Amino acid sequence: MSILRVVYITVPNENVANTLARSFVEKKLAACVNIVSNVKSVYEWEGKLSEDNELLLIVKTQQSHLESLQEELKQNHPYEVPEFVALPIDYASEPYGKWMLEQTKNK
C-alpha cells in the first residue's frame, strides 16, 4: 500500500472546498476528500503575521496522481501559494486500500 497518499490542502471558503473536492473525485484523482471546517492558520506572509480561518481538505489518493492534483489545484485555487503537502500512508486496512486504488484507477 506504499503508493497511497494523503494530501493536505487549505482553502479560504466552502465554495472553493466543494469545487476542488468534487473535481478531484469526479476526475478520479482522489478516492475521497474530507472537508474540515474551523481550521485556524497562523503564518507569516509578505513580512506580516497573519491569522486566517480556513477549511482543510484531506485528500486520499495515490502517488501517480500527485502532479495532476497539483495542476487541478493551480487552476482552481485563489491563493498565490496554496498548501499542498502529501504524506505516505504507511498502513491502511486492506479493504480500504483496495477501494482507494479502485476509485483512483486510471481509465
PDB file of N, CA and C in Angstrom:
ATOM      1  N   MET A   1       0.818  -1.202   0.000  1.00  0.00           N
ATOM      2  CA  MET A   1       0.000   0.000   0.000  1.00  0.00           C
ATOM      3  C   MET A   1       0.859   1.262   0.000  1.00  0.00           C
ATOM      4  N   SER A   2       2.152   1.142  -0.250  1.00  0.00           N
ATOM      5  CA  SER A   2       3.048   2.293  -0.136  1.00  0.00           C
ATOM      6  C   SER A   2       2.806   3.364  -1.193  1.00  0.00           C
ATOM      7  N   ILE A   3       1.980   3.101  -2.187  1.00  0.00           N
ATOM      8  CA  ILE A   3       1.698   4.132  -3.191  1.00  0.00           C
ATOM      9  C   ILE A   3       0.553   5.045  -2.770  1.00  0.00           C
ATOM     10  N   LEU A   4      -0.126   4.719  -1.691  1.00  0.00           N
ATOM     11  CA  LEU A   4      -1.247   5.533  -1.220  1.00  0.00           C
ATOM     12  C   LEU A   4      -0.733   6.786  -0.519  1.00  0.00           C
ATOM     13  N   ARG A   5      -1.464   7.887  -0.722  1.00  0.00           N
ATOM     14  CA  ARG A   5      -1.066   9.162  -0.147  1.00  0.00           C
ATOM     15  C   ARG A   5      -2.265   9.886   0.454  1.00  0.00           C
ATOM     16  N   VAL A   6      -1.978  10.713   1.450  1.00  0.00           N
ATOM     17  CA  VAL A   6      -2.928  11.673   1.995  1.00  0.00           C
ATOM     18  C   VAL A   6      -2.347  13.045   1.693  1.00  0.00           C
ATOM     19  N   VAL A   7      -3.170  13.920   1.135  1.00  0.00           N
ATOM     20  CA  VAL A   7      -2.725  15.270   0.789  1.00  0.00           C
ATOM     21  C   VAL A   7      -3.520  16.271   1.609  1.00  0.00           C
ATOM     22  N   TYR A   8      -2.816  17.239   2.186  1.00  0.00           N
ATOM     23  CA  TYR A   8      -3.450  18.334   2.919  1.00  0.00           C
ATOM     24  C   TYR A   8      -3.449  19.586   2.052  1.00  0.00           C
ATOM     25  N   ILE A   9      -4.614  20.213   1.949  1.00  0.00           N
ATOM     26  CA  ILE A   9      -4.771  21.457   1.195  1.00  0.00           C
ATOM     27  C   ILE A   9      -5.672  22.372   2.017  1.00  0.00           C
ATOM     28  N   THR A  10      -5.236  23.606   2.260  1.00  0.00           N
ATOM     29  CA  THR A  10      -6.113  24.562   2.931  1.00  0.00           C
ATOM     30  C   THR A  10      -6.761  25.468   1.889  1.00  0.00           C
ATOM     31  N   VAL A  11      -7.992  25.869   2.174  1.00  0.00           N
ATOM     32  CA  VAL A  11      -8.761  26.724   1.261  1.00  0.00           C
ATOM     33  C   VAL A  11      -9.456  27.821   2.070  1.00  0.00           C
ATOM     34  N   PRO A  12      -9.799  28.943   1.408  1.00  0.00           N
ATOM     35  CA  PRO A  12     -10.361  30.074   2.144  1.00  0.00           C
ATOM     36  C   PRO A  12     -11.844  29.969   2.483  1.00  0.00           C
ATOM     37  N   ASN A  13     -12.587  29.154   1.722  1.00  0.00           N
ATOM     38  CA  ASN A  13     -14.032  29.118   1.965  1.00  0.00           C
ATOM     39  C   ASN A  13     -14.646  27.813   1.457  1.00  0.00           C
ATOM     40  N   GLU A  14     -15.906  27.635   1.806  1.00  0.00           N
ATOM     41  CA  GLU A  14     -16.613  26.393   1.479  1.00  0.00           C
ATOM     42  C   GLU A  14     -16.807  26.210  -0.028  1.00  0.00           C
ATOM     43  N   ASN A  15     -17.000  27.293  -0.742  1.00  0.00           N
ATOM     44  CA  ASN A  15     -17.187  27.207  -2.188  1.00  0.00           C
ATOM     45  C   ASN A  15     -15.954  26.602  -2.864  1.00  0.00           C
ATOM     46  N   VAL A  16     -14.781  27.105  -2.513  1.00  0.00           N
ATOM     47  CA  VAL A  16     -13.536  26.564  -3.079  1.00  0.00           C
ATOM     48  C   VAL A  16     -13.356  25.117  -2.642  1.00  0.00           C
ATOM     49  N   ALA A  17     -13.644  24.826  -1.374  1.00  0.00           N
ATOM     50  CA  ALA A  17     -13.512  23.457  -0.859  1.00  0.00           C
ATOM     51  C   ALA A  17     -14.378  22.491  -1.651  1.00  0.00           C
ATOM     52  N   ASN A  18     -15.635  22.839  -1.845  1.00  0.00           N
ATOM     53  CA  ASN A  18     -16.550  21.955  -2.575  1.00  0.00           C
ATOM     54  C   ASN A  18     -16.153  21.801  -4.036  1.00  0.00           C
ATOM     55  N   THR A  19     -15.746  22.896  -4.664  1.00  0.00           N
ATOM     56  CA  THR A  19     -15.327  22.839  -6.070  1.00  0.00           C
ATOM     57  C   THR A  19     -14.145  21.900  -6.248  1.00  0.00           C
ATOM     58  N   LEU A  20     -13.123  22.065  -5.410  1.00  0.00           N
ATOM     59  CA  LEU A  20     -11.939  21.210  -5.518  1.00  0.00           C
ATOM     60  C   LEU A  20     -12.267  19.758  -5.186  1.00  0.00           C
ATOM     61  N   ALA A  21     -12.986  19.523  -4.101  1.00  0.00           N
ATOM     62  CA  ALA A  21     -13.300  18.154  -3.681  1.00  0.00           C
ATOM     63  C   ALA A  21     -14.061  17.410  -4.775  1.00  0.00           C
ATOM     64  N   ARG A  22     -15.079  18.039  -5.315  1.00  0.00           N
ATOM     65  CA  ARG A  22     -15.881  17.391  -6.364  1.00  0.00           C
ATOM     66  C   ARG A  22     -15.036  17.130  -7.615  1.00  0.00           C
ATOM     67  N   SER A  23     -14.227  18.093  -7.991  1.00  0.00           N
ATOM     68  CA  SER A  23     -13.385  17.933  -9.175  1.00  0.00           C
ATOM     69  C   SER A  23     -12.402  16.780  -8.998  1.00  0.00           C
ATOM     70  N   PHE A  24     -11.741  16.724  -7.846  1.00  0.00           N
ATOM     71  CA  PHE A  24     -10.770  15.656  -7.590  1.00  0.00           C
ATOM     72  C   PHE A  24     -11.424  14.280  -7.685  1.00  0.00           C
ATOM     73  N   VAL A  25     -12.602  14.134  -7.084  1.00  0.00           N
ATOM     74  CA  VAL A  25     -13.272  12.825  -7.074  1.00  0.00           C
ATOM     75  C   VAL A  25     -13.847  12.497  -8.449  1.00  0.00           C
ATOM     76  N   GLU A  26     -14.492  13.469  -9.089  1.00  0.00           N
ATOM     77  CA  GLU A  26     -15.077  13.218 -10.413  1.00  0.00           C
ATOM     78  C   GLU A  26     -14.020  12.837 -11.448  1.00  0.00           C
ATOM     79  N   LYS A  27     -12.828  13.407 -11.335  1.00  0.00           N
ATOM     80  CA  LYS A  27     -11.749  13.120 -12.288  1.00  0.00           C
ATOM     81  C   LYS A  27     -10.915  11.908 -11.875  1.00  0.00           C
ATOM     82  N   LYS A  28     -11.341  11.222 -10.822  1.00  0.00           N
ATOM     83  CA  LYS A  28     -10.656  10.018 -10.326  1.00  0.00           C
ATOM     84  C   LYS A  28      -9.243  10.316  -9.829  1.00  0.00           C
ATOM     85  N   LEU A  29      -9.003  11.561  -9.408  1.00  0.00           N
ATOM     86  CA  LEU A  29      -7.713  11.928  -8.838  1.00  0.00           C
ATOM     87  C   LEU A  29      -7.681  11.647  -7.341  1.00  0.00           C
ATOM     88  N   ALA A  30      -8.863  11.485  -6.746  1.00  0.00           N
ATOM     89  CA  ALA A  30      -8.975  11.190  -5.321  1.00  0.00           C
ATOM     90  C   ALA A  30     -10.102  10.197  -5.097  1.00  0.00           C
ATOM     91  N   ALA A  31      -9.890   9.308  -4.135  1.00  0.00           N
ATOM     92  CA  ALA A  31     -10.944   8.366  -3.761  1.00  0.00           C
ATOM     93  C   ALA A  31     -11.973   9.064  -2.882  1.00  0.00           C
ATOM     94  N   CYS A  32     -11.497   9.965  -2.045  1.00  0.00           N
ATOM     95  CA  CYS A  32     -12.349  10.651  -1.080  1.00  0.00           C
ATOM     96  C   CYS A  32     -11.663  11.944  -0.668  1.00  0.00           C
ATOM     97  N   VAL A  33     -12.457  12.961  -0.389  1.00  0.00           N
ATOM     98  CA  VAL A  33     -11.929  14.215   0.150  1.00  0.00           C
ATOM     99  C   VAL A  33     -12.763  14.590   1.368  1.00  0.00           C
ATOM    100  N   ASN A  34     -12.118  14.698   2.513  1.00  0.00           N
ATOM    101  CA  ASN A  34     -12.784  15.189   3.719  1.00  0.00           C
ATOM    102  C   ASN A  34     -12.612  16.702   3.767  1.00  0.00           C
ATOM    103  N   ILE A  35     -13.677  17.403   4.103  1.00  0.00           N
ATOM    104  CA  ILE A  35     -13.631  18.854   4.251  1.00  0.00           C
ATOM    105  C   ILE A  35     -13.805  19.165   5.735  1.00  0.00           C
ATOM    106  N   VAL A  36     -12.754  19.697   6.337  1.00  0.00           N
ATOM    107  CA  VAL A  36     -12.744  20.000   7.767  1.00  0.00           C
ATOM    108  C   VAL A  36     -12.856  21.513   7.936  1.00  0.00           C
ATOM    109  N   SER A  37     -13.894  21.949   8.620  1.00  0.00           N
ATOM    110  CA  SER A  37     -14.090  23.390   8.814  1.00  0.00           C
ATOM    111  C   SER A  37     -13.442  23.858  10.112  1.00  0.00           C
ATOM    112  N   ASN A  38     -13.448  25.167  10.294  1.00  0.00           N
ATOM    113  CA  ASN A  38     -12.932  25.798  11.515  1.00  0.00           C
ATOM    114  C   ASN A  38     -11.462  25.507  11.778  1.00  0.00           C
ATOM    115  N   VAL A  39     -10.653  25.642  10.748  1.00  0.00           N
ATOM    116  CA  VAL A  39      -9.206  25.487  10.889  1.00  0.00           C
ATOM    117  C   VAL A  39      -8.608  26.888  10.960  1.00  0.00           C
ATOM    118  N   LYS A  40      -7.860  27.159  11.996  1.00  0.00           N
ATOM    119  CA  LYS A  40      -7.204  28.460  12.116  1.00  0.00           C
ATOM    120  C   LYS A  40      -5.749  28.298  11.714  1.00  0.00           C
ATOM    121  N   SER A  41      -5.319  29.099  10.757  1.00  0.00           N
ATOM    122  CA  SER A  41      -3.941  29.053  10.278  1.00  0.00           C
ATOM    123  C   SER A  41      -3.221  30.325  10.706  1.00  0.00           C
ATOM    124  N   VAL A  42      -2.034  30.162  11.275  1.00  0.00           N
ATOM    125  CA  VAL A  42      -1.181  31.274  11.678  1.00  0.00           C
ATOM    126  C   VAL A  42       0.113  31.135  10.893  1.00  0.00           C
ATOM    127  N   TYR A  43       0.478  32.185  10.164  1.00  0.00           N
ATOM    128  CA  TYR A  43       1.644  32.114   9.286  1.00  0.00           C
ATOM    129  C   TYR A  43       2.144  33.520   8.988  1.00  0.00           C
ATOM    130  N   GLU A  44       3.355  33.598   8.454  1.00  0.00           N
ATOM    131  CA  GLU A  44       3.890  34.874   8.008  1.00  0.00           C
ATOM    132  C   GLU A  44       3.797  34.940   6.495  1.00  0.00           C
ATOM    133  N   TRP A  45       3.278  36.049   5.985  1.00  0.00           N
ATOM    134  CA  TRP A  45       3.153  36.239   4.537  1.00  0.00           C
ATOM    135  C   TRP A  45       3.533  37.677   4.219  1.00  0.00           C
ATOM    136  N   GLU A  46       4.479  37.836   3.316  1.00  0.00           N
ATOM    137  CA  GLU A  46       4.961  39.153   2.896  1.00  0.00           C
ATOM    138  C   GLU A  46       5.362  40.010   4.093  1.00  0.00           C
ATOM    139  N   GLY A  47       6.068  39.379   5.044  1.00  0.00           N
ATOM    140  CA  GLY A  47       6.605  40.087   6.196  1.00  0.00           C
ATOM    141  C   GLY A  47       5.620  40.399   7.301  1.00  0.00           C
ATOM    142  N   LYS A  48       4.382  39.932   7.187  1.00  0.00           N
ATOM    143  CA  LYS A  48       3.374  40.215   8.203  1.00  0.00           C
ATOM    144  C   LYS A  48       2.825  38.916   8.783  1.00  0.00           C
ATOM    145  N   LEU A  49       2.607  38.937  10.096  1.00  0.00           N
ATOM    146  CA  LEU A  49       1.979  37.791  10.751  1.00  0.00           C
ATOM    147  C   LEU A  49       0.497  37.789  10.401  1.00  0.00           C
ATOM    148  N   SER A  50       0.012  36.659   9.932  1.00  0.00           N
ATOM    149  CA  SER A  50      -1.385  36.544   9.512  1.00  0.00           C
ATOM    150  C   SER A  50      -2.075  35.422  10.267  1.00  0.00           C
ATOM    151  N   GLU A  51      -3.369  35.604  10.483  1.00  0.00           N
ATOM    152  CA  GLU A  51      -4.229  34.566  11.050  1.00  0.00           C
ATOM    153  C   GLU A  51      -5.481  34.513  10.199  1.00  0.00           C
ATOM    154  N   ASP A  52      -5.805  33.333   9.714  1.00  0.00           N
ATOM    155  CA  ASP A  52      -6.984  33.170   8.869  1.00  0.00           C
ATOM    156  C   ASP A  52      -7.781  31.954   9.298  1.00  0.00           C
ATOM    157  N   ASN A  53      -9.087  32.061   9.167  1.00  0.00           N
ATOM    158  CA  ASN A  53      -9.962  30.906   9.327  1.00  0.00           C
ATOM    159  C   ASN A  53     -10.091  30.254   7.960  1.00  0.00           C
ATOM    160  N   GLU A  54      -9.763  28.994   7.894  1.00  0.00           N
ATOM    161  CA  GLU A  54      -9.759  28.267   6.632  1.00  0.00           C
ATOM    162  C   GLU A  54     -10.482  26.943   6.799  1.00  0.00           C
ATOM    163  N   LEU A  55     -10.549  26.211   5.705  1.00  0.00           N
ATOM    164  CA  LEU A  55     -11.008  24.831   5.720  1.00  0.00           C
ATOM    165  C   LEU A  55      -9.840  23.973   5.268  1.00  0.00           C
ATOM    166  N   LEU A  56      -9.814  22.743   5.727  1.00  0.00           N
ATOM    167  CA  LEU A  56      -8.751  21.811   5.363  1.00  0.00           C
ATOM    168  C   LEU A  56      -9.336  20.673   4.543  1.00  0.00           C
ATOM    169  N   LEU A  57      -8.751  20.445   3.383  1.00  0.00           N
ATOM    170  CA  LEU A  57      -9.109  19.279   2.582  1.00  0.00           C
ATOM    171  C   LEU A  57      -8.122  18.170   2.907  1.00  0.00           C
ATOM    172  N   ILE A  58      -8.648  16.999   3.208  1.00  0.00           N
ATOM    173  CA  ILE A  58      -7.829  15.804   3.407  1.00  0.00           C
ATOM    174  C   ILE A  58      -8.157  14.897   2.232  1.00  0.00           C
ATOM    175  N   VAL A  59      -7.212  14.800   1.322  1.00  0.00           N
ATOM    176  CA  VAL A  59      -7.419  14.128   0.038  1.00  0.00           C
ATOM    177  C   VAL A  59      -6.759  12.757   0.078  1.00  0.00           C
ATOM    178  N   LYS A  60      -7.528  11.702  -0.206  1.00  0.00           N
ATOM    179  CA  LYS A  60      -6.978  10.346  -0.279  1.00  0.00           C
ATOM    180  C   LYS A  60      -6.751   9.995  -1.738  1.00  0.00           C
ATOM    181  N   THR A  61      -5.495   9.688  -2.080  1.00  0.00           N
ATOM    182  CA  THR A  61      -5.132   9.466  -3.472  1.00  0.00           C
ATOM    183  C   THR A  61      -3.993   8.457  -3.555  1.00  0.00           C
ATOM    184  N   GLN A  62      -3.382   8.394  -4.725  1.00  0.00           N
ATOM    185  CA  GLN A  62      -2.195   7.564  -4.896  1.00  0.00           C
ATOM    186  C   GLN A  62      -1.080   8.407  -5.513  1.00  0.00           C
ATOM    187  N   GLN A  63       0.133   7.941  -5.337  1.00  0.00           N
ATOM    188  CA  GLN A  63       1.334   8.663  -5.758  1.00  0.00           C
ATOM    189  C   GLN A  63       1.248   9.153  -7.202  1.00  0.00           C
ATOM    190  N   SER A  64       0.753   8.348  -8.098  1.00  0.00           N
ATOM    191  CA  SER A  64       0.751   8.690  -9.522  1.00  0.00           C
ATOM    192  C   SER A  64      -0.160   9.872  -9.864  1.00  0.00           C
ATOM    193  N   HIS A  65      -1.019  10.281  -8.949  1.00  0.00           N
ATOM    194  CA  HIS A  65      -1.939  11.392  -9.223  1.00  0.00           C
ATOM    195  C   HIS A  65      -1.495  12.724  -8.617  1.00  0.00           C
ATOM    196  N   LEU A  66      -0.362  12.757  -7.935  1.00  0.00           N
ATOM    197  CA  LEU A  66       0.039  13.978  -7.241  1.00  0.00           C
ATOM    198  C   LEU A  66       0.244  15.157  -8.192  1.00  0.00           C
ATOM    199  N   GLU A  67       0.906  14.941  -9.314  1.00  0.00           N
ATOM    200  CA  GLU A  67       1.127  16.041 -10.261  1.00  0.00           C
ATOM    201  C   GLU A  67      -0.190  16.544 -10.843  1.00  0.00           C
ATOM    202  N   SER A  68      -1.086  15.641 -11.191  1.00  0.00           N
ATOM    203  CA  SER A  68      -2.391  16.048 -11.733  1.00  0.00           C
ATOM    204  C   SER A  68      -3.212  16.800 -10.689  1.00  0.00           C
ATOM    205  N   LEU A  69      -3.132  16.373  -9.439  1.00  0.00           N
ATOM    206  CA  LEU A  69      -3.816  17.094  -8.366  1.00  0.00           C
ATOM    207  C   LEU A  69      -3.275  18.514  -8.241  1.00  0.00           C
ATOM    208  N   GLN A  70      -1.950  18.650  -8.311  1.00  0.00           N
ATOM    209  CA  GLN A  70      -1.351  19.982  -8.219  1.00  0.00           C
ATOM    210  C   GLN A  70      -1.802  20.872  -9.369  1.00  0.00           C
ATOM    211  N   GLU A  71      -1.877  20.329 -10.561  1.00  0.00           N
ATOM    212  CA  GLU A  71      -2.327  21.114 -11.716  1.00  0.00           C
ATOM    213  C   GLU A  71      -3.776  21.559 -11.539  1.00  0.00           C
ATOM    214  N   GLU A  72      -4.615  20.653 -11.094  1.00  0.00           N
ATOM    215  CA  GLU A  72      -6.024  20.984 -10.845  1.00  0.00           C
ATOM    216  C   GLU A  72      -6.123  22.059  -9.762  1.00  0.00           C
ATOM    217  N   LEU A  73      -5.283  21.946  -8.748  1.00  0.00           N
ATOM    218  CA  LEU A  73      -5.259  22.921  -7.663  1.00  0.00           C
ATOM    219  C   LEU A  73      -4.872  24.304  -8.188  1.00  0.00           C
ATOM    220  N   LYS A  74      -3.824  24.370  -8.988  1.00  0.00           N
ATOM    221  CA  LYS A  74      -3.370  25.658  -9.543  1.00  0.00           C
ATOM    222  C   LYS A  74      -4.469  26.346 -10.339  1.00  0.00           C
ATOM    223  N   GLN A  75      -5.257  25.574 -11.061  1.00  0.00           N
ATOM    224  CA  GLN A  75      -6.304  26.141 -11.909  1.00  0.00           C
ATOM    225  C   GLN A  75      -7.530  26.603 -11.125  1.00  0.00           C
ATOM    226  N   ASN A  76      -7.734  26.071  -9.925  1.00  0.00           N
ATOM    227  CA  ASN A  76      -8.988  26.327  -9.204  1.00  0.00           C
ATOM    228  C   ASN A  76      -8.824  26.869  -7.788  1.00  0.00           C
ATOM    229  N   HIS A  77      -7.630  27.303  -7.427  1.00  0.00           N
ATOM    230  CA  HIS A  77      -7.384  27.792  -6.069  1.00  0.00           C
ATOM    231  C   HIS A  77      -7.007  29.269  -6.121  1.00  0.00           C
ATOM    232  N   PRO A  78      -7.598  30.098  -5.264  1.00  0.00           N
ATOM    233  CA  PRO A  78      -7.335  31.533  -5.323  1.00  0.00           C
ATOM    234  C   PRO A  78      -5.997  31.983  -4.723  1.00  0.00           C
ATOM    235  N   TYR A  79      -5.341  31.142  -3.931  1.00  0.00           N
ATOM    236  CA  TYR A  79      -4.094  31.563  -3.290  1.00  0.00           C
ATOM    237  C   TYR A  79      -2.942  31.568  -4.285  1.00  0.00           C
ATOM    238  N   GLU A  80      -2.031  32.495  -4.082  1.00  0.00           N
ATOM    239  CA  GLU A  80      -0.812  32.550  -4.892  1.00  0.00           C
ATOM    240  C   GLU A  80       0.053  31.313  -4.633  1.00  0.00           C
ATOM    241  N   VAL A  81       0.125  30.911  -3.371  1.00  0.00           N
ATOM    242  CA  VAL A  81       0.904  29.732  -2.977  1.00  0.00           C
ATOM    243  C   VAL A  81       0.012  28.827  -2.129  1.00  0.00           C
ATOM    244  N   PRO A  82      -0.810  27.998  -2.765  1.00  0.00           N
ATOM    245  CA  PRO A  82      -1.679  27.115  -1.978  1.00  0.00           C
ATOM    246  C   PRO A  82      -0.885  25.998  -1.301  1.00  0.00           C
ATOM    247  N   GLU A  83      -1.351  25.623  -0.123  1.00  0.00           N
ATOM    248  CA  GLU A  83      -0.732  24.496   0.579  1.00  0.00           C
ATOM    249  C   GLU A  83      -1.008  23.215  -0.196  1.00  0.00           C
ATOM    250  N   PHE A  84       0.038  22.423  -0.372  1.00  0.00           N
ATOM    251  CA  PHE A  84      -0.088  21.095  -0.979  1.00  0.00           C
ATOM    252  C   PHE A  84       0.982  20.231  -0.331  1.00  0.00           C
ATOM    253  N   VAL A  85       0.578  19.440   0.650  1.00  0.00           N
ATOM    254  CA  VAL A  85       1.501  18.589   1.395  1.00  0.00           C
ATOM    255  C   VAL A  85       1.018  17.150   1.273  1.00  0.00           C
ATOM    256  N   ALA A  86       1.854  16.290   0.707  1.00  0.00           N
ATOM    257  CA  ALA A  86       1.492  14.877   0.528  1.00  0.00           C
ATOM    258  C   ALA A  86       2.296  14.017   1.496  1.00  0.00           C
ATOM    259  N   LEU A  87       1.594  13.127   2.170  1.00  0.00           N
ATOM    260  CA  LEU A  87       2.220  12.208   3.118  1.00  0.00           C
ATOM    261  C   LEU A  87       1.919  10.772   2.714  1.00  0.00           C
ATOM    262  N   PRO A  88       2.897   9.876   2.881  1.00  0.00           N
ATOM    263  CA  PRO A  88       2.630   8.471   2.570  1.00  0.00           C
ATOM    264  C   PRO A  88       1.703   7.856   3.618  1.00  0.00           C
ATOM    265  N   ILE A  89       0.884   6.941   3.172  1.00  0.00           N
ATOM    266  CA  ILE A  89       0.052   6.166   4.089  1.00  0.00           C
ATOM    267  C   ILE A  89       0.825   4.888   4.392  1.00  0.00           C
ATOM    268  N   ASP A  90       1.311   4.788   5.608  1.00  0.00           N
ATOM    269  CA  ASP A  90       2.100   3.620   5.995  1.00  0.00           C
ATOM    270  C   ASP A  90       1.243   2.377   6.144  1.00  0.00           C
ATOM    271  N   TYR A  91      -0.001   2.571   6.536  1.00  0.00           N
ATOM    272  CA  TYR A  91      -0.885   1.427   6.708  1.00  0.00           C
ATOM    273  C   TYR A  91      -2.319   1.855   6.440  1.00  0.00           C
ATOM    274  N   ALA A  92      -3.031   1.033   5.724  1.00  0.00           N
ATOM    275  CA  ALA A  92      -4.480   1.175   5.546  1.00  0.00           C
ATOM    276  C   ALA A  92      -5.053  -0.235   5.594  1.00  0.00           C
ATOM    277  N   SER A  93      -6.259  -0.361   6.102  1.00  0.00           N
ATOM    278  CA  SER A  93      -6.869  -1.689   6.087  1.00  0.00           C
ATOM    279  C   SER A  93      -6.922  -2.164   4.640  1.00  0.00           C
ATOM    280  N   GLU A  94      -6.817  -3.455   4.449  1.00  0.00           N
ATOM    281  CA  GLU A  94      -6.796  -3.996   3.090  1.00  0.00           C
ATOM    282  C   GLU A  94      -8.026  -3.595   2.277  1.00  0.00           C
ATOM    283  N   PRO A  95      -9.238  -3.711   2.833  1.00  0.00           N
ATOM    284  CA  PRO A  95     -10.406  -3.311   2.035  1.00  0.00           C
ATOM    285  C   PRO A  95     -10.390  -1.826   1.665  1.00  0.00           C
ATOM    286  N   TYR A  96      -9.976  -0.968   2.598  1.00  0.00           N
ATOM    287  CA  TYR A  96      -9.958   0.466   2.313  1.00  0.00           C
ATOM    288  C   TYR A  96      -8.884   0.800   1.285  1.00  0.00           C
ATOM    289  N   GLY A  97      -7.714   0.206   1.424  1.00  0.00           N
ATOM    290  CA  GLY A  97      -6.641   0.435   0.460  1.00  0.00           C
ATOM    291  C   GLY A  97      -7.031  -0.002  -0.941  1.00  0.00           C
ATOM    292  N   LYS A  98      -7.661  -1.164  -1.046  1.00  0.00           N
ATOM    293  CA  LYS A  98      -8.125  -1.643  -2.360  1.00  0.00           C
ATOM    294  C   LYS A  98      -9.179  -0.707  -2.937  1.00  0.00           C
ATOM    295  N   TRP A  99     -10.089  -0.241  -2.077  1.00  0.00           N
ATOM    296  CA  TRP A  99     -11.122   0.688  -2.527  1.00  0.00           C
ATOM    297  C   TRP A  99     -10.494   1.983  -3.044  1.00  0.00           C
ATOM    298  N   MET A 100      -9.507   2.511  -2.312  1.00  0.00           N
ATOM    299  CA  MET A 100      -8.823   3.733  -2.759  1.00  0.00           C
ATOM    300  C   MET A 100      -8.206   3.544  -4.137  1.00  0.00           C
ATOM    301  N   LEU A 101      -7.529   2.425  -4.319  1.00  0.00           N
ATOM    302  CA  LEU A 101      -6.886   2.163  -5.612  1.00  0.00           C
ATOM    303  C   LEU A 101      -7.917   2.015  -6.724  1.00  0.00           C
ATOM    304  N   GLU A 102      -9.010   1.337  -6.436  1.00  0.00           N
ATOM    305  CA  GLU A 102     -10.058   1.152  -7.442  1.00  0.00           C
ATOM    306  C   GLU A 102     -10.686   2.493  -7.835  1.00  0.00           C
ATOM    307  N   GLN A 103     -10.921   3.346  -6.855  1.00  0.00           N
ATOM    308  CA  GLN A 103     -11.552   4.642  -7.124  1.00  0.00           C
ATOM    309  C   GLN A 103     -10.649   5.595  -7.897  1.00  0.00           C
ATOM    310  N   THR A 104      -9.348   5.398  -7.797  1.00  0.00           N
ATOM    311  CA  THR A 104      -8.402   6.304  -8.457  1.00  0.00           C
ATOM    312  C   THR A 104      -7.692   5.638  -9.630  1.00  0.00           C
ATOM    313  N   LYS A 105      -8.266   4.553 -10.092  1.00  0.00           N
ATOM    314  CA  LYS A 105      -7.675   3.818 -11.211  1.00  0.00           C
ATOM    315  C   LYS A 105      -7.711   4.678 -12.467  1.00  0.00           C
ATOM    316  N   ASN A 106      -6.598   4.671 -13.195  1.00  0.00           N
ATOM    317  CA  ASN A 106      -6.558   5.387 -14.474  1.00  0.00           C
ATOM    318  C   ASN A 106      -7.474   4.696 -15.461  1.00  0.00           C
ATOM    319  N   LYS A 107      -8.334   5.473 -16.088  1.00  0.00           N
ATOM    320  CA  LYS A 107      -9.278   4.905 -17.065  1.00  0.00           C
ATOM    321  C   LYS A 107      -8.689   4.963 -18.459  1.00  0.00           C
TER     322      LYS A 107
END
